[in-house]
């Protein structure tokens, strides 16, 4: 199994919305991928509860896949590409880790 973790720091304002609005929209849009992409085994999205530290990230994505080929298929799936396009416009920073478990 492969776990794909991504964290984002969001811009204070982007696409006409506040950071909080974009965090909730990002969570909703990502969670809506469940059931749309067959190779996506699980998806969990969290919004950071502690915005007091500038080193904290705002949103975390935790997904799992059977193998790297499934992760690659997810990355290019049209539903994921649409969501990722929006996220790219609202983020200041992104970190990612993919690992086997």
PDB file of N, CA and C in Angstrom:
ATOM      1  N   UNK A   1       0.842  -1.189   0.000  1.00  0.00           N
ATOM      2  CA  UNK A   1       0.000   0.000   0.000  1.00  0.00           C
ATOM      3  C   UNK A   1       0.886   1.250   0.000  1.00  0.00           C
ATOM      4  N   UNK A   2       0.378   2.279  -0.628  1.00  0.00           N
ATOM      5  CA  UNK A   2       1.083   3.559  -0.717  1.00  0.00           C
ATOM      6  C   UNK A   2       0.241   4.619  -0.019  1.00  0.00           C
ATOM      7  N   UNK A   3       0.889   5.398   0.811  1.00  0.00           N
ATOM      8  CA  UNK A   3       0.233   6.544   1.438  1.00  0.00           C
ATOM      9  C   UNK A   3       0.800   7.807   0.789  1.00  0.00           C
ATOM     10  N   UNK A   4      -0.100   8.706   0.421  1.00  0.00           N
ATOM     11  CA  UNK A   4       0.243   9.983  -0.228  1.00  0.00           C
ATOM     12  C   UNK A   4      -0.266  11.080   0.697  1.00  0.00           C
ATOM     13  N   UNK A   5       0.664  11.821   1.297  1.00  0.00           N
ATOM     14  CA  UNK A   5       0.330  12.903   2.218  1.00  0.00           C
ATOM     15  C   UNK A   5       0.759  14.227   1.616  1.00  0.00           C
ATOM     16  N   UNK A   6      -0.140  15.194   1.648  1.00  0.00           N
ATOM     17  CA  UNK A   6       0.163  16.531   1.135  1.00  0.00           C
ATOM     18  C   UNK A   6      -0.332  17.545   2.149  1.00  0.00           C
ATOM     19  N   UNK A   7       0.473  18.580   2.380  1.00  0.00           N
ATOM     20  CA  UNK A   7       0.051  19.693   3.241  1.00  0.00           C
ATOM     21  C   UNK A   7       0.246  20.997   2.488  1.00  0.00           C
ATOM     22  N   UNK A   8      -0.679  21.916   2.727  1.00  0.00           N
ATOM     23  CA  UNK A   8      -0.633  23.213   2.051  1.00  0.00           C
ATOM     24  C   UNK A   8      -0.731  24.352   3.056  1.00  0.00           C
ATOM     25  N   UNK A   9       0.019  25.414   2.773  1.00  0.00           N
ATOM     26  CA  UNK A   9      -0.184  26.710   3.421  1.00  0.00           C
ATOM     27  C   UNK A   9      -0.954  27.543   2.414  1.00  0.00           C
ATOM     28  N   UNK A  10      -2.086  28.076   2.838  1.00  0.00           N
ATOM     29  CA  UNK A  10      -2.940  28.827   1.933  1.00  0.00           C
ATOM     30  C   UNK A  10      -2.646  30.322   1.997  1.00  0.00           C
ATOM     31  N   UNK A  11      -2.916  30.999   0.896  1.00  0.00           N
ATOM     32  CA  UNK A  11      -2.825  32.453   0.856  1.00  0.00           C
ATOM     33  C   UNK A  11      -3.919  33.045   1.744  1.00  0.00           C
ATOM     34  N   UNK A  12      -3.673  34.225   2.288  1.00  0.00           N
ATOM     35  CA  UNK A  12      -4.669  34.883   3.151  1.00  0.00           C
ATOM     36  C   UNK A  12      -5.972  35.111   2.397  1.00  0.00           C
ATOM     37  N   UNK A  13      -5.866  35.488   1.140  1.00  0.00           N
ATOM     38  CA  UNK A  13      -7.023  35.689   0.268  1.00  0.00           C
ATOM     39  C   UNK A  13      -6.641  35.221  -1.131  1.00  0.00           C
ATOM     40  N   UNK A  14      -7.539  34.480  -1.753  1.00  0.00           N
ATOM     41  CA  UNK A  14      -7.292  34.018  -3.127  1.00  0.00           C
ATOM     42  C   UNK A  14      -8.615  33.623  -3.758  1.00  0.00           C
ATOM     43  N   UNK A  15      -8.721  33.855  -5.044  1.00  0.00           N
ATOM     44  CA  UNK A  15      -9.926  33.499  -5.787  1.00  0.00           C
ATOM     45  C   UNK A  15     -11.178  34.116  -5.171  1.00  0.00           C
ATOM     46  N   UNK A  16     -11.020  35.306  -4.561  1.00  0.00           N
ATOM     47  CA  UNK A  16     -12.154  36.015  -3.982  1.00  0.00           C
ATOM     48  C   UNK A  16     -12.641  35.463  -2.654  1.00  0.00           C
ATOM     49  N   UNK A  17     -11.831  34.605  -2.023  1.00  0.00           N
ATOM     50  CA  UNK A  17     -12.233  33.989  -0.761  1.00  0.00           C
ATOM     51  C   UNK A  17     -11.142  34.147   0.294  1.00  0.00           C
ATOM     52  N   UNK A  18     -11.540  34.041   1.546  1.00  0.00           N
ATOM     53  CA  UNK A  18     -10.586  34.067   2.652  1.00  0.00           C
ATOM     54  C   UNK A  18      -9.871  32.725   2.763  1.00  0.00           C
ATOM     55  N   UNK A  19      -8.812  32.696   3.561  1.00  0.00           N
ATOM     56  CA  UNK A  19      -8.099  31.451   3.814  1.00  0.00           C
ATOM     57  C   UNK A  19      -9.049  30.393   4.381  1.00  0.00           C
ATOM     58  N   UNK A  20      -9.864  30.770   5.339  1.00  0.00           N
ATOM     59  CA  UNK A  20     -10.792  29.816   5.958  1.00  0.00           C
ATOM     60  C   UNK A  20     -11.791  29.277   4.934  1.00  0.00           C
ATOM     61  N   UNK A  21     -12.320  30.156   4.094  1.00  0.00           N
ATOM     62  CA  UNK A  21     -13.269  29.713   3.066  1.00  0.00           C
ATOM     63  C   UNK A  21     -12.599  28.746   2.094  1.00  0.00           C
ATOM     64  N   UNK A  22     -11.366  29.064   1.683  1.00  0.00           N
ATOM     65  CA  UNK A  22     -10.650  28.190   0.757  1.00  0.00           C
ATOM     66  C   UNK A  22     -10.265  26.871   1.408  1.00  0.00           C
ATOM     67  N   UNK A  23      -9.966  26.890   2.688  1.00  0.00           N
ATOM     68  CA  UNK A  23      -9.659  25.633   3.394  1.00  0.00           C
ATOM     69  C   UNK A  23     -10.869  24.709   3.372  1.00  0.00           C
ATOM     70  N   UNK A  24     -12.033  25.235   3.687  1.00  0.00           N
ATOM     71  CA  UNK A  24     -13.245  24.418   3.698  1.00  0.00           C
ATOM     72  C   UNK A  24     -13.630  23.956   2.290  1.00  0.00           C
ATOM     73  N   UNK A  25     -13.464  24.825   1.293  1.00  0.00           N
ATOM     74  CA  UNK A  25     -13.759  24.444  -0.086  1.00  0.00           C
ATOM     75  C   UNK A  25     -12.789  23.360  -0.563  1.00  0.00           C
ATOM     76  N   UNK A  26     -11.522  23.493  -0.198  1.00  0.00           N
ATOM     77  CA  UNK A  26     -10.525  22.492  -0.561  1.00  0.00           C
ATOM     78  C   UNK A  26     -10.882  21.141   0.052  1.00  0.00           C
ATOM     79  N   UNK A  27     -11.224  21.148   1.329  1.00  0.00           N
ATOM     80  CA  UNK A  27     -11.628  19.912   2.007  1.00  0.00           C
ATOM     81  C   UNK A  27     -12.808  19.269   1.295  1.00  0.00           C
ATOM     82  N   UNK A  28     -13.822  20.051   1.011  1.00  0.00           N
ATOM     83  CA  UNK A  28     -15.020  19.541   0.347  1.00  0.00           C
ATOM     84  C   UNK A  28     -14.689  18.977  -1.032  1.00  0.00           C
ATOM     85  N   UNK A  29     -13.936  19.732  -1.824  1.00  0.00           N
ATOM     86  CA  UNK A  29     -13.606  19.297  -3.184  1.00  0.00           C
ATOM     87  C   UNK A  29     -12.768  18.026  -3.190  1.00  0.00           C
ATOM     88  N   UNK A  30     -11.806  17.935  -2.273  1.00  0.00           N
ATOM     89  CA  UNK A  30     -10.986  16.728  -2.201  1.00  0.00           C
ATOM     90  C   UNK A  30     -11.802  15.529  -1.737  1.00  0.00           C
ATOM     91  N   UNK A  31     -12.613  15.714  -0.709  1.00  0.00           N
ATOM     92  CA  UNK A  31     -13.418  14.600  -0.213  1.00  0.00           C
ATOM     93  C   UNK A  31     -14.431  14.127  -1.252  1.00  0.00           C
ATOM     94  N   UNK A  32     -14.854  15.019  -2.132  1.00  0.00           N
ATOM     95  CA  UNK A  32     -15.775  14.633  -3.204  1.00  0.00           C
ATOM     96  C   UNK A  32     -15.125  13.706  -4.232  1.00  0.00           C
ATOM     97  N   UNK A  33     -13.784  13.572  -4.194  1.00  0.00           N
ATOM     98  CA  UNK A  33     -13.103  12.648  -5.099  1.00  0.00           C
ATOM     99  C   UNK A  33     -13.363  11.189  -4.717  1.00  0.00           C
ATOM    100  N   UNK A  34     -13.741  10.959  -3.467  1.00  0.00           N
ATOM    101  CA  UNK A  34     -14.044   9.602  -3.009  1.00  0.00           C
ATOM    102  C   UNK A  34     -15.193   9.033  -3.835  1.00  0.00           C
ATOM    103  N   UNK A  35     -14.964   7.878  -4.407  1.00  0.00           N
ATOM    104  CA  UNK A  35     -15.980   7.254  -5.248  1.00  0.00           C
ATOM    105  C   UNK A  35     -15.882   7.631  -6.716  1.00  0.00           C
ATOM    106  N   UNK A  36     -15.192   8.728  -7.022  1.00  0.00           N
ATOM    107  CA  UNK A  36     -15.025   9.147  -8.421  1.00  0.00           C
ATOM    108  C   UNK A  36     -13.797   8.525  -9.071  1.00  0.00           C
ATOM    109  N   UNK A  37     -12.799   8.204  -8.247  1.00  0.00           N
ATOM    110  CA  UNK A  37     -11.532   7.687  -8.758  1.00  0.00           C
ATOM    111  C   UNK A  37     -11.353   6.280  -8.187  1.00  0.00           C
ATOM    112  N   UNK A  38     -11.556   5.254  -9.005  1.00  0.00           N
ATOM    113  CA  UNK A  38     -11.573   3.886  -8.491  1.00  0.00           C
ATOM    114  C   UNK A  38     -10.305   3.456  -7.742  1.00  0.00           C
ATOM    115  N   UNK A  39      -9.150   3.940  -8.137  1.00  0.00           N
ATOM    116  CA  UNK A  39      -7.900   3.504  -7.502  1.00  0.00           C
ATOM    117  C   UNK A  39      -7.650   4.182  -6.155  1.00  0.00           C
ATOM    118  N   UNK A  40      -8.448   5.157  -5.793  1.00  0.00           N
ATOM    119  CA  UNK A  40      -8.313   5.867  -4.520  1.00  0.00           C
ATOM    120  C   UNK A  40      -8.959   5.024  -3.423  1.00  0.00           C
ATOM    121  N   UNK A  41      -8.126   4.426  -2.575  1.00  0.00           N
ATOM    122  CA  UNK A  41      -8.628   3.505  -1.544  1.00  0.00           C
ATOM    123  C   UNK A  41      -9.200   4.243  -0.343  1.00  0.00           C
ATOM    124  N   UNK A  42      -8.558   5.331   0.065  1.00  0.00           N
ATOM    125  CA  UNK A  42      -9.077   6.132   1.184  1.00  0.00           C
ATOM    126  C   UNK A  42      -8.618   7.566   1.025  1.00  0.00           C
ATOM    127  N   UNK A  43      -9.408   8.469   1.597  1.00  0.00           N
ATOM    128  CA  UNK A  43      -9.065   9.888   1.566  1.00  0.00           C
ATOM    129  C   UNK A  43      -9.584  10.539   2.837  1.00  0.00           C
ATOM    130  N   UNK A  44      -8.703  11.301   3.462  1.00  0.00           N
ATOM    131  CA  UNK A  44      -9.045  12.073   4.652  1.00  0.00           C
ATOM    132  C   UNK A  44      -8.433  13.459   4.476  1.00  0.00           C
ATOM    133  N   UNK A  45      -9.195  14.482   4.792  1.00  0.00           N
ATOM    134  CA  UNK A  45      -8.715  15.855   4.670  1.00  0.00           C
ATOM    135  C   UNK A  45      -8.965  16.547   5.994  1.00  0.00           C
ATOM    136  N   UNK A  46      -7.926  17.207   6.511  1.00  0.00           N
ATOM    137  CA  UNK A  46      -8.057  17.931   7.767  1.00  0.00           C
ATOM    138  C   UNK A  46      -7.678  19.388   7.607  1.00  0.00           C
ATOM    139  N   UNK A  47      -8.342  20.224   8.395  1.00  0.00           N
ATOM    140  CA  UNK A  47      -8.034  21.657   8.444  1.00  0.00           C
ATOM    141  C   UNK A  47      -7.383  21.920   9.786  1.00  0.00           C
ATOM    142  N   UNK A  48      -6.250  22.594   9.769  1.00  0.00           N
ATOM    143  CA  UNK A  48      -5.496  22.872  10.984  1.00  0.00           C
ATOM    144  C   UNK A  48      -6.337  23.657  11.985  1.00  0.00           C
ATOM    145  N   UNK A  49      -6.297  23.226  13.232  1.00  0.00           N
ATOM    146  CA  UNK A  49      -7.054  23.897  14.293  1.00  0.00           C
ATOM    147  C   UNK A  49      -6.281  25.037  14.943  1.00  0.00           C
ATOM    148  N   UNK A  50      -4.950  25.051  14.754  1.00  0.00           N
ATOM    149  CA  UNK A  50      -4.107  26.052  15.427  1.00  0.00           C
ATOM    150  C   UNK A  50      -3.411  26.930  14.398  1.00  0.00           C
ATOM    151  N   UNK A  51      -3.988  28.088  14.149  1.00  0.00           N
ATOM    152  CA  UNK A  51      -3.415  29.016  13.167  1.00  0.00           C
ATOM    153  C   UNK A  51      -2.438  29.994  13.800  1.00  0.00           C
ATOM    154  N   UNK A  52      -2.115  29.801  15.072  1.00  0.00           N
ATOM    155  CA  UNK A  52      -1.276  30.774  15.779  1.00  0.00           C
ATOM    156  C   UNK A  52       0.197  30.701  15.387  1.00  0.00           C
ATOM    157  N   UNK A  53       0.653  29.566  14.893  1.00  0.00           N
ATOM    158  CA  UNK A  53       2.064  29.420  14.534  1.00  0.00           C
ATOM    159  C   UNK A  53       2.247  29.554  13.030  1.00  0.00           C
ATOM    160  N   UNK A  54       3.138  30.427  12.604  1.00  0.00           N
ATOM    161  CA  UNK A  54       3.364  30.586  11.158  1.00  0.00           C
ATOM    162  C   UNK A  54       4.007  29.358  10.515  1.00  0.00           C
ATOM    163  N   UNK A  55       4.546  28.440  11.326  1.00  0.00           N
ATOM    164  CA  UNK A  55       5.149  27.242  10.749  1.00  0.00           C
ATOM    165  C   UNK A  55       4.122  26.146  10.472  1.00  0.00           C
ATOM    166  N   UNK A  56       2.908  26.305  10.988  1.00  0.00           N
ATOM    167  CA  UNK A  56       1.871  25.303  10.763  1.00  0.00           C
ATOM    168  C   UNK A  56       1.285  25.416   9.355  1.00  0.00           C
ATOM    169  N   UNK A  57       0.924  24.276   8.812  1.00  0.00           N
ATOM    170  CA  UNK A  57       0.243  24.244   7.528  1.00  0.00           C
ATOM    171  C   UNK A  57      -1.260  24.303   7.769  1.00  0.00           C
ATOM    172  N   UNK A  58      -2.014  24.676   6.753  1.00  0.00           N
ATOM    173  CA  UNK A  58      -3.450  24.928   6.905  1.00  0.00           C
ATOM    174  C   UNK A  58      -4.334  23.724   6.608  1.00  0.00           C
ATOM    175  N   UNK A  59      -3.956  22.927   5.610  1.00  0.00           N
ATOM    176  CA  UNK A  59      -4.777  21.799   5.179  1.00  0.00           C
ATOM    177  C   UNK A  59      -3.863  20.601   4.939  1.00  0.00           C
ATOM    178  N   UNK A  60      -4.347  19.419   5.335  1.00  0.00           N
ATOM    179  CA  UNK A  60      -3.600  18.183   5.085  1.00  0.00           C
ATOM    180  C   UNK A  60      -4.500  17.194   4.345  1.00  0.00           C
ATOM    181  N   UNK A  61      -3.907  16.513   3.370  1.00  0.00           N
ATOM    182  CA  UNK A  61      -4.567  15.459   2.606  1.00  0.00           C
ATOM    183  C   UNK A  61      -3.846  14.151   2.902  1.00  0.00           C
ATOM    184  N   UNK A  62      -4.606  13.117   3.254  1.00  0.00           N
ATOM    185  CA  UNK A  62      -4.057  11.793   3.553  1.00  0.00           C
ATOM    186  C   UNK A  62      -4.819  10.790   2.687  1.00  0.00           C
ATOM    187  N   UNK A  63      -4.139  10.215   1.693  1.00  0.00           N
ATOM    188  CA  UNK A  63      -4.781   9.265   0.787  1.00  0.00           C
ATOM    189  C   UNK A  63      -3.986   7.970   0.753  1.00  0.00           C
ATOM    190  N   UNK A  64      -4.645   6.893   0.343  1.00  0.00           N
ATOM    191  CA  UNK A  64      -3.929   5.627   0.198  1.00  0.00           C
ATOM    192  C   UNK A  64      -4.325   4.951  -1.113  1.00  0.00           C
ATOM    193  N   UNK A  65      -3.358   4.178  -1.625  1.00  0.00           N
ATOM    194  CA  UNK A  65      -3.475   3.496  -2.908  1.00  0.00           C
ATOM    195  C   UNK A  65      -2.833   2.118  -2.797  1.00  0.00           C
ATOM    196  N   UNK A  66      -3.240   1.204  -3.651  1.00  0.00           N
ATOM    197  CA  UNK A  66      -2.663  -0.150  -3.641  1.00  0.00           C
ATOM    198  C   UNK A  66      -1.186  -0.135  -4.036  1.00  0.00           C
ATOM    199  N   UNK A  67      -0.822   0.729  -5.000  1.00  0.00           N
ATOM    200  CA  UNK A  67       0.546   0.723  -5.524  1.00  0.00           C
ATOM    201  C   UNK A  67       0.844   2.071  -6.184  1.00  0.00           C
ATOM    202  N   UNK A  68       2.085   2.230  -6.622  1.00  0.00           N
ATOM    203  CA  UNK A  68       2.493   3.494  -7.249  1.00  0.00           C
ATOM    204  C   UNK A  68       1.770   3.750  -8.567  1.00  0.00           C
ATOM    205  N   UNK A  69       1.450   2.694  -9.288  1.00  0.00           N
ATOM    206  CA  UNK A  69       0.720   2.871 -10.549  1.00  0.00           C
ATOM    207  C   UNK A  69      -0.651   3.486 -10.282  1.00  0.00           C
ATOM    208  N   UNK A  70      -1.301   3.078  -9.203  1.00  0.00           N
ATOM    209  CA  UNK A  70      -2.600   3.660  -8.853  1.00  0.00           C
ATOM    210  C   UNK A  70      -2.452   5.125  -8.443  1.00  0.00           C
ATOM    211  N   UNK A  71      -1.395   5.444  -7.710  1.00  0.00           N
ATOM    212  CA  UNK A  71      -1.133   6.846  -7.356  1.00  0.00           C
ATOM    213  C   UNK A  71      -0.920   7.675  -8.620  1.00  0.00           C
ATOM    214  N   UNK A  72      -0.157   7.134  -9.553  1.00  0.00           N
ATOM    215  CA  UNK A  72       0.071   7.842 -10.821  1.00  0.00           C
ATOM    216  C   UNK A  72      -1.242   8.053 -11.579  1.00  0.00           C
ATOM    217  N   UNK A  73      -2.117   7.050 -11.583  1.00  0.00           N
ATOM    218  CA  UNK A  73      -3.409   7.173 -12.262  1.00  0.00           C
ATOM    219  C   UNK A  73      -4.274   8.240 -11.594  1.00  0.00           C
ATOM    220  N   UNK A  74      -4.236   8.304 -10.281  1.00  0.00           N
ATOM    221  CA  UNK A  74      -4.964   9.331  -9.519  1.00  0.00           C
ATOM    222  C   UNK A  74      -4.484  10.728  -9.906  1.00  0.00           C
ATOM    223  N   UNK A  75      -3.171  10.886 -10.018  1.00  0.00           N
ATOM    224  CA  UNK A  75      -2.589  12.194 -10.305  1.00  0.00           C
ATOM    225  C   UNK A  75      -3.089  12.780 -11.624  1.00  0.00           C
ATOM    226  N   UNK A  76      -3.369  11.939 -12.600  1.00  0.00           N
ATOM    227  CA  UNK A  76      -3.783  12.433 -13.926  1.00  0.00           C
ATOM    228  C   UNK A  76      -5.284  12.291 -14.175  1.00  0.00           C
ATOM    229  N   UNK A  77      -6.013  11.752 -13.209  1.00  0.00           N
ATOM    230  CA  UNK A  77      -7.462  11.612 -13.372  1.00  0.00           C
ATOM    231  C   UNK A  77      -8.086  13.003 -13.489  1.00  0.00           C
ATOM    232  N   UNK A  78      -9.023  13.178 -14.423  1.00  0.00           N
ATOM    233  CA  UNK A  78      -9.575  14.504 -14.703  1.00  0.00           C
ATOM    234  C   UNK A  78     -10.205  15.163 -13.472  1.00  0.00           C
ATOM    235  N   UNK A  79     -10.835  14.396 -12.596  1.00  0.00           N
ATOM    236  CA  UNK A  79     -11.449  14.978 -11.394  1.00  0.00           C
ATOM    237  C   UNK A  79     -10.375  15.520 -10.452  1.00  0.00           C
ATOM    238  N   UNK A  80      -9.282  14.781 -10.306  1.00  0.00           N
ATOM    239  CA  UNK A  80      -8.176  15.257  -9.461  1.00  0.00           C
ATOM    240  C   UNK A  80      -7.496  16.471 -10.083  1.00  0.00           C
ATOM    241  N   UNK A  81      -7.302  16.448 -11.374  1.00  0.00           N
ATOM    242  CA  UNK A  81      -6.644  17.563 -12.068  1.00  0.00           C
ATOM    243  C   UNK A  81      -7.436  18.858 -11.875  1.00  0.00           C
ATOM    244  N   UNK A  82      -8.768  18.786 -11.916  1.00  0.00           N
ATOM    245  CA  UNK A  82      -9.603  19.976 -11.696  1.00  0.00           C
ATOM    246  C   UNK A  82      -9.408  20.535 -10.284  1.00  0.00           C
ATOM    247  N   UNK A  83      -9.469  19.656  -9.297  1.00  0.00           N
ATOM    248  CA  UNK A  83      -9.301  20.101  -7.905  1.00  0.00           C
ATOM    249  C   UNK A  83      -7.894  20.648  -7.695  1.00  0.00           C
ATOM    250  N   UNK A  84      -6.896  19.954  -8.203  1.00  0.00           N
ATOM    251  CA  UNK A  84      -5.500  20.390  -8.046  1.00  0.00           C
ATOM    252  C   UNK A  84      -5.265  21.745  -8.703  1.00  0.00           C
ATOM    253  N   UNK A  85      -5.913  22.006  -9.814  1.00  0.00           N
ATOM    254  CA  UNK A  85      -5.772  23.298 -10.489  1.00  0.00           C
ATOM    255  C   UNK A  85      -6.237  24.436  -9.606  1.00  0.00           C
ATOM    256  N   UNK A  86      -7.356  24.234  -8.916  1.00  0.00           N
ATOM    257  CA  UNK A  86      -7.850  25.264  -7.989  1.00  0.00           C
ATOM    258  C   UNK A  86      -6.890  25.430  -6.822  1.00  0.00           C
ATOM    259  N   UNK A  87      -6.454  24.320  -6.266  1.00  0.00           N
ATOM    260  CA  UNK A  87      -5.566  24.381  -5.104  1.00  0.00           C
ATOM    261  C   UNK A  87      -4.284  25.129  -5.456  1.00  0.00           C
ATOM    262  N   UNK A  88      -3.735  24.895  -6.621  1.00  0.00           N
ATOM    263  CA  UNK A  88      -2.497  25.576  -7.025  1.00  0.00           C
ATOM    264  C   UNK A  88      -2.653  27.092  -7.011  1.00  0.00           C
ATOM    265  N   UNK A  89      -3.849  27.582  -7.268  1.00  0.00           N
ATOM    266  CA  UNK A  89      -4.070  29.030  -7.310  1.00  0.00           C
ATOM    267  C   UNK A  89      -4.232  29.641  -5.918  1.00  0.00           C
ATOM    268  N   UNK A  90      -4.460  28.828  -4.897  1.00  0.00           N
ATOM    269  CA  UNK A  90      -4.737  29.383  -3.568  1.00  0.00           C
ATOM    270  C   UNK A  90      -3.635  29.104  -2.539  1.00  0.00           C
ATOM    271  N   UNK A  91      -2.560  28.433  -2.955  1.00  0.00           N
ATOM    272  CA  UNK A  91      -1.523  28.056  -1.987  1.00  0.00           C
ATOM    273  C   UNK A  91      -0.280  28.931  -2.084  1.00  0.00           C
ATOM    274  N   UNK A  92       0.348  29.067  -0.919  1.00  0.00           N
ATOM    275  CA  UNK A  92       1.664  29.698  -0.835  1.00  0.00           C
ATOM    276  C   UNK A  92       2.775  28.655  -0.810  1.00  0.00           C
ATOM    277  N   UNK A  93       2.482  27.491  -0.211  1.00  0.00           N
ATOM    278  CA  UNK A  93       3.509  26.467  -0.058  1.00  0.00           C
ATOM    279  C   UNK A  93       2.853  25.095  -0.005  1.00  0.00           C
ATOM    280  N   UNK A  94       3.605  24.082  -0.448  1.00  0.00           N
ATOM    281  CA  UNK A  94       3.116  22.700  -0.471  1.00  0.00           C
ATOM    282  C   UNK A  94       4.261  21.775  -0.108  1.00  0.00           C
ATOM    283  N   UNK A  95       3.957  20.762   0.692  1.00  0.00           N
ATOM    284  CA  UNK A  95       4.907  19.689   0.962  1.00  0.00           C
ATOM    285  C   UNK A  95       4.178  18.368   0.758  1.00  0.00           C
ATOM    286  N   UNK A  96       4.942  17.345   0.377  1.00  0.00           N
ATOM    287  CA  UNK A  96       4.340  16.054   0.056  1.00  0.00           C
ATOM    288  C   UNK A  96       5.295  14.938   0.454  1.00  0.00           C
ATOM    289  N   UNK A  97       4.719  13.826   0.909  1.00  0.00           N
ATOM    290  CA  UNK A  97       5.466  12.613   1.178  1.00  0.00           C
ATOM    291  C   UNK A  97       4.646  11.435   0.672  1.00  0.00           C
ATOM    292  N   UNK A  98       5.287  10.562  -0.083  1.00  0.00           N
ATOM    293  CA  UNK A  98       4.685   9.306  -0.516  1.00  0.00           C
ATOM    294  C   UNK A  98       5.522   8.185   0.087  1.00  0.00           C
ATOM    295  N   UNK A  99       4.852   7.231   0.757  1.00  0.00           N
ATOM    296  CA  UNK A  99       5.612   6.143   1.365  1.00  0.00           C
ATOM    297  C   UNK A  99       4.809   4.848   1.340  1.00  0.00           C
ATOM    298  N   UNK A 100       5.537   3.751   1.456  1.00  0.00           N
ATOM    299  CA  UNK A 100       4.932   2.437   1.462  1.00  0.00           C
ATOM    300  C   UNK A 100       4.646   2.017   2.890  1.00  0.00           C
ATOM    301  N   UNK A 101       3.487   1.390   3.096  1.00  0.00           N
ATOM    302  CA  UNK A 101       3.173   0.897   4.443  1.00  0.00           C
ATOM    303  C   UNK A 101       2.532  -0.473   4.369  1.00  0.00           C
TER     304      UNK A 101
END
